[in-house]
Amino acid sequence: MPSRLRACFDNIPFSQDRASGTVRVLKQLTQLYSFTDIVKDSGAPYNMKIDLDGTLDSISTKISNGEYKGDYAFEAGMIK
Protein backbone atom coordinates (compact mmCIF):
# COMPACT_ATOMS: atom_id res chain seq x y z
CA MET A 1 0.00 0.00 0.00
CA PRO A 2 1.43 3.41 -0.91
CA SER A 3 2.59 5.33 2.15
CA ARG A 4 0.32 8.35 1.57
CA LEU A 5 -2.73 6.11 1.36
CA ARG A 6 -1.69 4.23 4.49
CA ALA A 7 -1.13 7.52 6.32
CA CYS A 8 -4.64 8.59 5.32
CA PHE A 9 -6.10 5.33 6.68
CA ASP A 10 -4.07 5.63 9.87
CA ASN A 11 -5.55 9.08 10.51
CA ILE A 12 -9.13 7.79 10.74
CA PRO A 13 -9.94 8.16 14.44
CA PHE A 14 -10.64 5.09 16.52
CA SER A 15 -13.83 4.97 18.56
CA GLN A 16 -13.73 2.52 21.47
CA ASP A 17 -17.51 2.67 21.76
CA ARG A 18 -18.08 1.87 18.10
CA ALA A 19 -15.50 -0.91 18.10
CA SER A 20 -16.94 -2.45 21.27
CA GLY A 21 -20.41 -2.28 19.73
CA THR A 22 -19.14 -4.04 16.61
CA VAL A 23 -17.65 -6.87 18.66
CA ARG A 24 -20.79 -7.11 20.81
CA VAL A 25 -22.99 -7.53 17.72
CA LEU A 26 -20.60 -10.08 16.19
CA LYS A 27 -20.66 -12.10 19.42
CA GLN A 28 -24.47 -12.09 19.30
CA LEU A 29 -24.40 -13.26 15.70
CA THR A 30 -21.98 -16.09 16.43
CA GLN A 31 -24.55 -17.48 18.87
CA LEU A 32 -26.74 -18.11 15.81
CA TYR A 33 -23.96 -19.85 13.89
CA SER A 34 -24.64 -23.56 14.21
CA PHE A 35 -21.12 -24.69 13.30
CA THR A 36 -19.20 -22.79 16.02
CA ASP A 37 -18.03 -25.98 17.71
CA ILE A 38 -17.17 -27.71 14.44
CA VAL A 39 -14.91 -24.91 13.15
CA LYS A 40 -12.87 -24.96 16.37
CA ASP A 41 -11.34 -28.20 15.11
CA SER A 42 -13.05 -29.55 12.02
CA GLY A 43 -10.61 -32.30 11.20
CA ALA A 44 -10.07 -33.59 7.69
CA PRO A 45 -10.63 -32.62 4.97
CA TYR A 46 -11.06 -28.95 5.95
CA ASN A 47 -8.73 -28.78 8.98
CA MET A 48 -10.22 -25.53 10.30
CA LYS A 49 -9.17 -24.31 13.73
CA ILE A 50 -11.17 -21.13 14.28
CA ASP A 51 -12.26 -20.08 17.76
CA LEU A 52 -14.79 -17.37 16.95
CA ASP A 53 -15.63 -16.51 20.57
CA GLY A 54 -11.99 -16.58 21.64
CA THR A 55 -10.95 -14.36 18.76
CA LEU A 56 -13.69 -11.83 19.51
CA ASP A 57 -12.77 -11.90 23.21
CA SER A 58 -9.15 -11.19 22.28
CA ILE A 59 -10.19 -8.26 20.09
CA SER A 60 -12.42 -6.95 22.88
CA THR A 61 -9.48 -7.07 25.29
CA LYS A 62 -7.31 -5.15 22.83
CA ILE A 63 -10.05 -2.51 22.55
CA SER A 64 -10.26 -2.18 26.34
CA ASN A 65 -6.47 -1.97 26.66
CA GLY A 66 -6.23 0.79 24.04
CA GLU A 67 -4.09 -1.29 21.70
CA TYR A 68 -5.73 0.03 18.53
CA LYS A 69 -4.27 3.40 17.57
CA GLY A 70 -6.68 4.02 14.69
CA ASP A 71 -9.75 2.64 12.99
CA TYR A 72 -7.66 1.03 10.26
CA ALA A 73 -5.70 -1.00 12.82
CA PHE A 74 -8.95 -2.20 14.36
CA GLU A 75 -10.51 -3.11 11.00
CA ALA A 76 -7.33 -4.91 9.91
CA GLY A 77 -7.32 -6.80 13.22
CA MET A 78 -10.87 -7.96 12.57
CA ILE A 79 -9.89 -9.82 9.42
CA LYS A 80 -6.69 -11.47 10.63
PDB file of N, CA and C in Angstrom:
ATOM      1  N   MET A   1       0.843  -1.167   0.000  1.00  0.00           N
ATOM      2  CA  MET A   1       0.000   0.000   0.000  1.00  0.00           C
ATOM      3  C   MET A   1       0.895   1.239   0.000  1.00  0.00           C
ATOM      4  N   PRO A   2       0.629   2.182  -0.889  1.00  0.00           N
ATOM      5  CA  PRO A   2       1.430   3.407  -0.908  1.00  0.00           C
ATOM      6  C   PRO A   2       1.370   4.126   0.442  1.00  0.00           C
ATOM      7  N   SER A   3       2.480   4.739   0.815  1.00  0.00           N
ATOM      8  CA  SER A   3       2.594   5.331   2.150  1.00  0.00           C
ATOM      9  C   SER A   3       1.598   6.462   2.392  1.00  0.00           C
ATOM     10  N   ARG A   4       1.290   7.253   1.374  1.00  0.00           N
ATOM     11  CA  ARG A   4       0.316   8.349   1.567  1.00  0.00           C
ATOM     12  C   ARG A   4      -1.078   7.792   1.831  1.00  0.00           C
ATOM     13  N   LEU A   5      -1.426   6.738   1.148  1.00  0.00           N
ATOM     14  CA  LEU A   5      -2.725   6.109   1.358  1.00  0.00           C
ATOM     15  C   LEU A   5      -2.798   5.504   2.755  1.00  0.00           C
ATOM     16  N   ARG A   6      -1.733   4.818   3.152  1.00  0.00           N
ATOM     17  CA  ARG A   6      -1.692   4.227   4.493  1.00  0.00           C
ATOM     18  C   ARG A   6      -1.770   5.315   5.561  1.00  0.00           C
ATOM     19  N   ALA A   7      -1.082   6.419   5.365  1.00  0.00           N
ATOM     20  CA  ALA A   7      -1.131   7.525   6.324  1.00  0.00           C
ATOM     21  C   ALA A   7      -2.549   8.077   6.434  1.00  0.00           C
ATOM     22  N   CYS A   8      -3.254   8.134   5.318  1.00  0.00           N
ATOM     23  CA  CYS A   8      -4.639   8.593   5.319  1.00  0.00           C
ATOM     24  C   CYS A   8      -5.499   7.634   6.154  1.00  0.00           C
ATOM     25  N   PHE A   9      -5.353   6.339   5.911  1.00  0.00           N
ATOM     26  CA  PHE A   9      -6.100   5.332   6.678  1.00  0.00           C
ATOM     27  C   PHE A   9      -5.767   5.410   8.166  1.00  0.00           C
ATOM     28  N   ASP A  10      -4.505   5.586   8.467  1.00  0.00           N
ATOM     29  CA  ASP A  10      -4.074   5.631   9.870  1.00  0.00           C
ATOM     30  C   ASP A  10      -4.608   6.852  10.610  1.00  0.00           C
ATOM     31  N   ASN A  11      -5.029   7.879   9.882  1.00  0.00           N
ATOM     32  CA  ASN A  11      -5.555   9.084  10.512  1.00  0.00           C
ATOM     33  C   ASN A  11      -7.052   9.028  10.793  1.00  0.00           C
ATOM     34  N   ILE A  12      -7.706   7.942  10.406  1.00  0.00           N
ATOM     35  CA  ILE A  12      -9.128   7.794  10.739  1.00  0.00           C
ATOM     36  C   ILE A  12      -9.211   7.497  12.229  1.00  0.00           C
ATOM     37  N   PRO A  13      -9.916   8.329  12.980  1.00  0.00           N
ATOM     38  CA  PRO A  13      -9.943   8.158  14.435  1.00  0.00           C
ATOM     39  C   PRO A  13     -10.593   6.839  14.856  1.00  0.00           C
ATOM     40  N   PHE A  14     -10.116   6.333  15.954  1.00  0.00           N
ATOM     41  CA  PHE A  14     -10.638   5.091  16.523  1.00  0.00           C
ATOM     42  C   PHE A  14     -11.654   5.431  17.605  1.00  0.00           C
ATOM     43  N   SER A  15     -12.794   4.775  17.556  1.00  0.00           N
ATOM     44  CA  SER A  15     -13.827   4.965  18.564  1.00  0.00           C
ATOM     45  C   SER A  15     -13.978   3.669  19.356  1.00  0.00           C
ATOM     46  N   GLN A  16     -13.594   3.709  20.623  1.00  0.00           N
ATOM     47  CA  GLN A  16     -13.726   2.519  21.467  1.00  0.00           C
ATOM     48  C   GLN A  16     -15.174   2.076  21.559  1.00  0.00           C
ATOM     49  N   ASP A  17     -16.095   3.015  21.658  1.00  0.00           N
ATOM     50  CA  ASP A  17     -17.510   2.668  21.760  1.00  0.00           C
ATOM     51  C   ASP A  17     -18.012   1.954  20.507  1.00  0.00           C
ATOM     52  N   ARG A  18     -17.647   2.483  19.354  1.00  0.00           N
ATOM     53  CA  ARG A  18     -18.083   1.869  18.098  1.00  0.00           C
ATOM     54  C   ARG A  18     -17.452   0.488  17.915  1.00  0.00           C
ATOM     55  N   ALA A  19     -16.182   0.371  18.237  1.00  0.00           N
ATOM     56  CA  ALA A  19     -15.497  -0.913  18.102  1.00  0.00           C
ATOM     57  C   ALA A  19     -16.085  -1.942  19.064  1.00  0.00           C
ATOM     58  N   SER A  20     -16.345  -1.536  20.298  1.00  0.00           N
ATOM     59  CA  SER A  20     -16.943  -2.446  21.275  1.00  0.00           C
ATOM     60  C   SER A  20     -18.333  -2.880  20.827  1.00  0.00           C
ATOM     61  N   GLY A  21     -19.083  -1.948  20.252  1.00  0.00           N
ATOM     62  CA  GLY A  21     -20.407  -2.280  19.726  1.00  0.00           C
ATOM     63  C   GLY A  21     -20.327  -3.276  18.583  1.00  0.00           C
ATOM     64  N   THR A  22     -19.336  -3.106  17.727  1.00  0.00           N
ATOM     65  CA  THR A  22     -19.141  -4.039  16.613  1.00  0.00           C
ATOM     66  C   THR A  22     -18.873  -5.441  17.133  1.00  0.00           C
ATOM     67  N   VAL A  23     -17.983  -5.559  18.098  1.00  0.00           N
ATOM     68  CA  VAL A  23     -17.646  -6.867  18.664  1.00  0.00           C
ATOM     69  C   VAL A  23     -18.859  -7.463  19.381  1.00  0.00           C
ATOM     70  N   ARG A  24     -19.600  -6.634  20.095  1.00  0.00           N
ATOM     71  CA  ARG A  24     -20.792  -7.109  20.812  1.00  0.00           C
ATOM     72  C   ARG A  24     -21.809  -7.716  19.831  1.00  0.00           C
ATOM     73  N   VAL A  25     -22.047  -7.030  18.721  1.00  0.00           N
ATOM     74  CA  VAL A  25     -22.990  -7.533  17.717  1.00  0.00           C
ATOM     75  C   VAL A  25     -22.467  -8.820  17.087  1.00  0.00           C
ATOM     76  N   LEU A  26     -21.183  -8.863  16.780  1.00  0.00           N
ATOM     77  CA  LEU A  26     -20.605 -10.080  16.189  1.00  0.00           C
ATOM     78  C   LEU A  26     -20.717 -11.261  17.145  1.00  0.00           C
ATOM     79  N   LYS A  27     -20.521 -11.020  18.439  1.00  0.00           N
ATOM     80  CA  LYS A  27     -20.662 -12.099  19.422  1.00  0.00           C
ATOM     81  C   LYS A  27     -22.115 -12.594  19.480  1.00  0.00           C
ATOM     82  N   GLN A  28     -23.058 -11.691  19.346  1.00  0.00           N
ATOM     83  CA  GLN A  28     -24.466 -12.092  19.303  1.00  0.00           C
ATOM     84  C   GLN A  28     -24.749 -12.929  18.058  1.00  0.00           C
ATOM     85  N   LEU A  29     -24.180 -12.519  16.946  1.00  0.00           N
ATOM     86  CA  LEU A  29     -24.402 -13.256  15.700  1.00  0.00           C
ATOM     87  C   LEU A  29     -23.768 -14.638  15.727  1.00  0.00           C
ATOM     88  N   THR A  30     -22.616 -14.772  16.378  1.00  0.00           N
ATOM     89  CA  THR A  30     -21.975 -16.089  16.427  1.00  0.00           C
ATOM     90  C   THR A  30     -22.802 -17.080  17.236  1.00  0.00           C
ATOM     91  N   GLN A  31     -23.671 -16.581  18.125  1.00  0.00           N
ATOM     92  CA  GLN A  31     -24.552 -17.477  18.869  1.00  0.00           C
ATOM     93  C   GLN A  31     -25.549 -18.166  17.939  1.00  0.00           C
ATOM     94  N   LEU A  32     -25.820 -17.544  16.798  1.00  0.00           N
ATOM     95  CA  LEU A  32     -26.744 -18.115  15.815  1.00  0.00           C
ATOM     96  C   LEU A  32     -26.051 -19.064  14.843  1.00  0.00           C
ATOM     97  N   TYR A  33     -24.742 -19.026  14.825  1.00  0.00           N
ATOM     98  CA  TYR A  33     -23.961 -19.846  13.895  1.00  0.00           C
ATOM     99  C   TYR A  33     -23.903 -21.273  14.426  1.00  0.00           C
ATOM    100  N   SER A  34     -24.501 -22.196  13.702  1.00  0.00           N
ATOM    101  CA  SER A  34     -24.642 -23.563  14.212  1.00  0.00           C
ATOM    102  C   SER A  34     -23.360 -24.389  14.132  1.00  0.00           C
ATOM    103  N   PHE A  35     -22.342 -23.903  13.474  1.00  0.00           N
ATOM    104  CA  PHE A  35     -21.122 -24.688  13.304  1.00  0.00           C
ATOM    105  C   PHE A  35     -19.958 -24.184  14.159  1.00  0.00           C
ATOM    106  N   THR A  36     -20.251 -23.374  15.175  1.00  0.00           N
ATOM    107  CA  THR A  36     -19.203 -22.793  16.020  1.00  0.00           C
ATOM    108  C   THR A  36     -18.280 -23.860  16.596  1.00  0.00           C
ATOM    109  N   ASP A  37     -18.848 -24.924  17.124  1.00  0.00           N
ATOM    110  CA  ASP A  37     -18.028 -25.982  17.709  1.00  0.00           C
ATOM    111  C   ASP A  37     -17.246 -26.750  16.656  1.00  0.00           C
ATOM    112  N   ILE A  38     -17.834 -26.939  15.501  1.00  0.00           N
ATOM    113  CA  ILE A  38     -17.168 -27.706  14.443  1.00  0.00           C
ATOM    114  C   ILE A  38     -15.935 -26.963  13.924  1.00  0.00           C
ATOM    115  N   VAL A  39     -16.043 -25.638  13.726  1.00  0.00           N
ATOM    116  CA  VAL A  39     -14.915 -24.909  13.147  1.00  0.00           C
ATOM    117  C   VAL A  39     -13.751 -24.736  14.119  1.00  0.00           C
ATOM    118  N   LYS A  40     -13.988 -25.015  15.410  1.00  0.00           N
ATOM    119  CA  LYS A  40     -12.871 -24.957  16.365  1.00  0.00           C
ATOM    120  C   LYS A  40     -11.819 -26.003  16.031  1.00  0.00           C
ATOM    121  N   ASP A  41     -12.270 -27.139  15.523  1.00  0.00           N
ATOM    122  CA  ASP A  41     -11.342 -28.199  15.109  1.00  0.00           C
ATOM    123  C   ASP A  41     -12.111 -29.158  14.214  1.00  0.00           C
ATOM    124  N   SER A  42     -12.192 -28.810  12.937  1.00  0.00           N
ATOM    125  CA  SER A  42     -13.050 -29.551  12.017  1.00  0.00           C
ATOM    126  C   SER A  42     -12.498 -30.903  11.612  1.00  0.00           C
ATOM    127  N   GLY A  43     -11.200 -31.060  11.694  1.00  0.00           N
ATOM    128  CA  GLY A  43     -10.611 -32.300  11.198  1.00  0.00           C
ATOM    129  C   GLY A  43     -10.595 -32.321   9.682  1.00  0.00           C
ATOM    130  N   ALA A  44     -10.175 -33.449   9.142  1.00  0.00           N
ATOM    131  CA  ALA A  44     -10.073 -33.592   7.688  1.00  0.00           C
ATOM    132  C   ALA A  44     -11.471 -33.580   7.082  1.00  0.00           C
ATOM    133  N   PRO A  45     -11.641 -33.123   5.898  1.00  0.00           N
ATOM    134  CA  PRO A  45     -10.632 -32.624   4.968  1.00  0.00           C
ATOM    135  C   PRO A  45     -10.384 -31.118   5.090  1.00  0.00           C
ATOM    136  N   TYR A  46     -11.159 -30.410   5.926  1.00  0.00           N
ATOM    137  CA  TYR A  46     -11.056 -28.954   5.955  1.00  0.00           C
ATOM    138  C   TYR A  46      -9.979 -28.432   6.901  1.00  0.00           C
ATOM    139  N   ASN A  47      -9.766 -29.137   8.001  1.00  0.00           N
ATOM    140  CA  ASN A  47      -8.730 -28.779   8.976  1.00  0.00           C
ATOM    141  C   ASN A  47      -8.813 -27.319   9.440  1.00  0.00           C
ATOM    142  N   MET A  48     -10.024 -26.894   9.781  1.00  0.00           N
ATOM    143  CA  MET A  48     -10.216 -25.531  10.299  1.00  0.00           C
ATOM    144  C   MET A  48     -10.010 -25.533  11.805  1.00  0.00           C
ATOM    145  N   LYS A  49      -9.354 -24.511  12.300  1.00  0.00           N
ATOM    146  CA  LYS A  49      -9.166 -24.308  13.735  1.00  0.00           C
ATOM    147  C   LYS A  49      -9.452 -22.835  14.019  1.00  0.00           C
ATOM    148  N   ILE A  50     -10.744 -22.512  14.110  1.00  0.00           N
ATOM    149  CA  ILE A  50     -11.172 -21.128  14.275  1.00  0.00           C
ATOM    150  C   ILE A  50     -12.025 -21.033  15.539  1.00  0.00           C
ATOM    151  N   ASP A  51     -11.525 -20.304  16.524  1.00  0.00           N
ATOM    152  CA  ASP A  51     -12.256 -20.081  17.761  1.00  0.00           C
ATOM    153  C   ASP A  51     -12.892 -18.695  17.671  1.00  0.00           C
ATOM    154  N   LEU A  52     -14.128 -18.650  17.169  1.00  0.00           N
ATOM    155  CA  LEU A  52     -14.791 -17.367  16.952  1.00  0.00           C
ATOM    156  C   LEU A  52     -14.940 -16.574  18.249  1.00  0.00           C
ATOM    157  N   ASP A  53     -15.437 -17.211  19.298  1.00  0.00           N
ATOM    158  CA  ASP A  53     -15.628 -16.507  20.566  1.00  0.00           C
ATOM    159  C   ASP A  53     -14.300 -16.060  21.158  1.00  0.00           C
ATOM    160  N   GLY A  54     -13.297 -16.926  21.111  1.00  0.00           N
ATOM    161  CA  GLY A  54     -11.986 -16.580  21.643  1.00  0.00           C
ATOM    162  C   GLY A  54     -11.343 -15.431  20.892  1.00  0.00           C
ATOM    163  N   THR A  55     -11.504 -15.430  19.581  1.00  0.00           N
ATOM    164  CA  THR A  55     -10.952 -14.357  18.759  1.00  0.00           C
ATOM    165  C   THR A  55     -11.638 -13.030  19.073  1.00  0.00           C
ATOM    166  N   LEU A  56     -12.955 -13.057  19.186  1.00  0.00           N
ATOM    167  CA  LEU A  56     -13.687 -11.832  19.506  1.00  0.00           C
ATOM    168  C   LEU A  56     -13.366 -11.348  20.917  1.00  0.00           C
ATOM    169  N   ASP A  57     -13.176 -12.278  21.848  1.00  0.00           N
ATOM    170  CA  ASP A  57     -12.771 -11.895  23.205  1.00  0.00           C
ATOM    171  C   ASP A  57     -11.399 -11.224  23.200  1.00  0.00           C
ATOM    172  N   SER A  58     -10.498 -11.758  22.397  1.00  0.00           N
ATOM    173  CA  SER A  58      -9.153 -11.185  22.283  1.00  0.00           C
ATOM    174  C   SER A  58      -9.214  -9.773  21.707  1.00  0.00           C
ATOM    175  N   ILE A  59     -10.031  -9.578  20.690  1.00  0.00           N
ATOM    176  CA  ILE A  59     -10.188  -8.256  20.086  1.00  0.00           C
ATOM    177  C   ILE A  59     -10.802  -7.295  21.099  1.00  0.00           C
ATOM    178  N   SER A  60     -11.782  -7.772  21.852  1.00  0.00           N
ATOM    179  CA  SER A  60     -12.416  -6.946  22.883  1.00  0.00           C
ATOM    180  C   SER A  60     -11.404  -6.505  23.945  1.00  0.00           C
ATOM    181  N   THR A  61     -10.525  -7.401  24.327  1.00  0.00           N
ATOM    182  CA  THR A  61      -9.479  -7.068  25.292  1.00  0.00           C
ATOM    183  C   THR A  61      -8.541  -6.003  24.736  1.00  0.00           C
ATOM    184  N   LYS A  62      -8.181  -6.145  23.455  1.00  0.00           N
ATOM    185  CA  LYS A  62      -7.308  -5.149  22.826  1.00  0.00           C
ATOM    186  C   LYS A  62      -7.986  -3.782  22.778  1.00  0.00           C
ATOM    187  N   ILE A  63      -9.301  -3.772  22.549  1.00  0.00           N
ATOM    188  CA  ILE A  63     -10.045  -2.507  22.545  1.00  0.00           C
ATOM    189  C   ILE A  63      -9.965  -1.876  23.936  1.00  0.00           C
ATOM    190  N   SER A  64     -10.257  -2.673  24.957  1.00  0.00           N
ATOM    191  CA  SER A  64     -10.257  -2.177  26.341  1.00  0.00           C
ATOM    192  C   SER A  64      -8.886  -1.677  26.778  1.00  0.00           C
ATOM    193  N   ASN A  65      -7.840  -2.338  26.284  1.00  0.00           N
ATOM    194  CA  ASN A  65      -6.474  -1.969  26.656  1.00  0.00           C
ATOM    195  C   ASN A  65      -5.907  -0.818  25.816  1.00  0.00           C
ATOM    196  N   GLY A  66      -6.691  -0.326  24.869  1.00  0.00           N
ATOM    197  CA  GLY A  66      -6.234   0.792  24.041  1.00  0.00           C
ATOM    198  C   GLY A  66      -5.144   0.421  23.055  1.00  0.00           C
ATOM    199  N   GLU A  67      -5.145  -0.833  22.599  1.00  0.00           N
ATOM    200  CA  GLU A  67      -4.089  -1.291  21.695  1.00  0.00           C
ATOM    201  C   GLU A  67      -4.287  -0.843  20.250  1.00  0.00           C
ATOM    202  N   TYR A  68      -5.491  -0.426  19.893  1.00  0.00           N
ATOM    203  CA  TYR A  68      -5.729   0.033  18.529  1.00  0.00           C
ATOM    204  C   TYR A  68      -5.528   1.544  18.485  1.00  0.00           C
ATOM    205  N   LYS A  69      -4.611   1.982  17.653  1.00  0.00           N
ATOM    206  CA  LYS A  69      -4.272   3.402  17.570  1.00  0.00           C
ATOM    207  C   LYS A  69      -5.122   4.144  16.534  1.00  0.00           C
ATOM    208  N   GLY A  70      -5.825   3.409  15.715  1.00  0.00           N
ATOM    209  CA  GLY A  70      -6.679   4.016  14.694  1.00  0.00           C
ATOM    210  C   GLY A  70      -7.704   3.019  14.220  1.00  0.00           C
ATOM    211  N   ASP A  71      -8.694   3.516  13.492  1.00  0.00           N
ATOM    212  CA  ASP A  71      -9.752   2.644  12.993  1.00  0.00           C
ATOM    213  C   ASP A  71      -9.212   1.589  12.025  1.00  0.00           C
ATOM    214  N   TYR A  72      -8.234   1.986  11.225  1.00  0.00           N
ATOM    215  CA  TYR A  72      -7.662   1.027  10.262  1.00  0.00           C
ATOM    216  C   TYR A  72      -7.033  -0.163  10.981  1.00  0.00           C
ATOM    217  N   ALA A  73      -6.333   0.091  12.066  1.00  0.00           N
ATOM    218  CA  ALA A  73      -5.699  -1.000  12.822  1.00  0.00           C
ATOM    219  C   ALA A  73      -6.768  -1.947  13.372  1.00  0.00           C
ATOM    220  N   PHE A  74      -7.859  -1.386  13.860  1.00  0.00           N
ATOM    221  CA  PHE A  74      -8.953  -2.205  14.360  1.00  0.00           C
ATOM    222  C   PHE A  74      -9.564  -3.031  13.233  1.00  0.00           C
ATOM    223  N   GLU A  75      -9.892  -2.402  12.128  1.00  0.00           N
ATOM    224  CA  GLU A  75     -10.510  -3.114  11.003  1.00  0.00           C
ATOM    225  C   GLU A  75      -9.581  -4.207  10.471  1.00  0.00           C
ATOM    226  N   ALA A  76      -8.292  -3.901  10.384  1.00  0.00           N
ATOM    227  CA  ALA A  76      -7.327  -4.912   9.915  1.00  0.00           C
ATOM    228  C   ALA A  76      -7.251  -6.061  10.912  1.00  0.00           C
ATOM    229  N   GLY A  77      -7.336  -5.759  12.209  1.00  0.00           N
ATOM    230  CA  GLY A  77      -7.317  -6.799  13.225  1.00  0.00           C
ATOM    231  C   GLY A  77      -8.534  -7.693  13.166  1.00  0.00           C
ATOM    232  N   MET A  78      -9.642  -7.170  12.673  1.00  0.00           N
ATOM    233  CA  MET A  78     -10.870  -7.964  12.574  1.00  0.00           C
ATOM    234  C   MET A  78     -10.762  -9.053  11.512  1.00  0.00           C
ATOM    235  N   ILE A  79      -9.935  -8.851  10.512  1.00  0.00           N
ATOM    236  CA  ILE A  79      -9.888  -9.824   9.416  1.00  0.00           C
ATOM    237  C   ILE A  79      -8.681 -10.757   9.491  1.00  0.00           C
ATOM    238  N   LYS A  80      -7.865 -10.604  10.506  1.00  0.00           N
ATOM    239  CA  LYS A  80      -6.692 -11.474  10.634  1.00  0.00           C
ATOM    240  C   LYS A  80      -7.068 -12.792  11.230  1.00  0.00           C
TER     241      LYS A  80
END
